[in-house]
Amino acid sequence: MTEVTLKKQRPKHLALNEIRLPLPGKVSILHRVSGSGLFLMLPVLLALFGASVGSPESYAVFREFVGNIFVKLLLVGLLWAYLHHFCAGIRFLLLDVHVGVDKESAVKSARLVLIVSLTLTALLVAKLW
């Protein structure tokens, strides 16, 4: 018998722009990105909190710093990251106990996570801005 070896045609590089993830995959990646962003911004958030409760003078500096439009946009992004991470975390906890693991339920829950996190972000930004 002759042995036939088939060589697999594997890609030499991973083209991230060509990958088409389903919605649950995108929510999963956003969950990881939001968690990383929150972790990396933790020193900045702690410094802002310290400035806001330290003294009346440090609170004035805090108000001036947070009044900058770029800082406000950064804080809006962090607010969305927190809300998305929270909502997606609840979704993943439910998936861990086998609730909504079929394809249709997974897509619906992923869509719900995006809608709820964006809606809550918009409501809180409208209230706080």
Foldseek 3Di string as FASTA:
>chain_A
DDDDDDDDDDDPDDDPVPDDDALLVVLVVLLVVLVVVCVVCVVVVVVLVCLCPPDPVSVVVSCVVCPDPVNVVVVLVNQLSVQLNVLVVVVVVCVVVVDQPDDVSSNVSSVVSVVVSVVVSVVVSVVPD
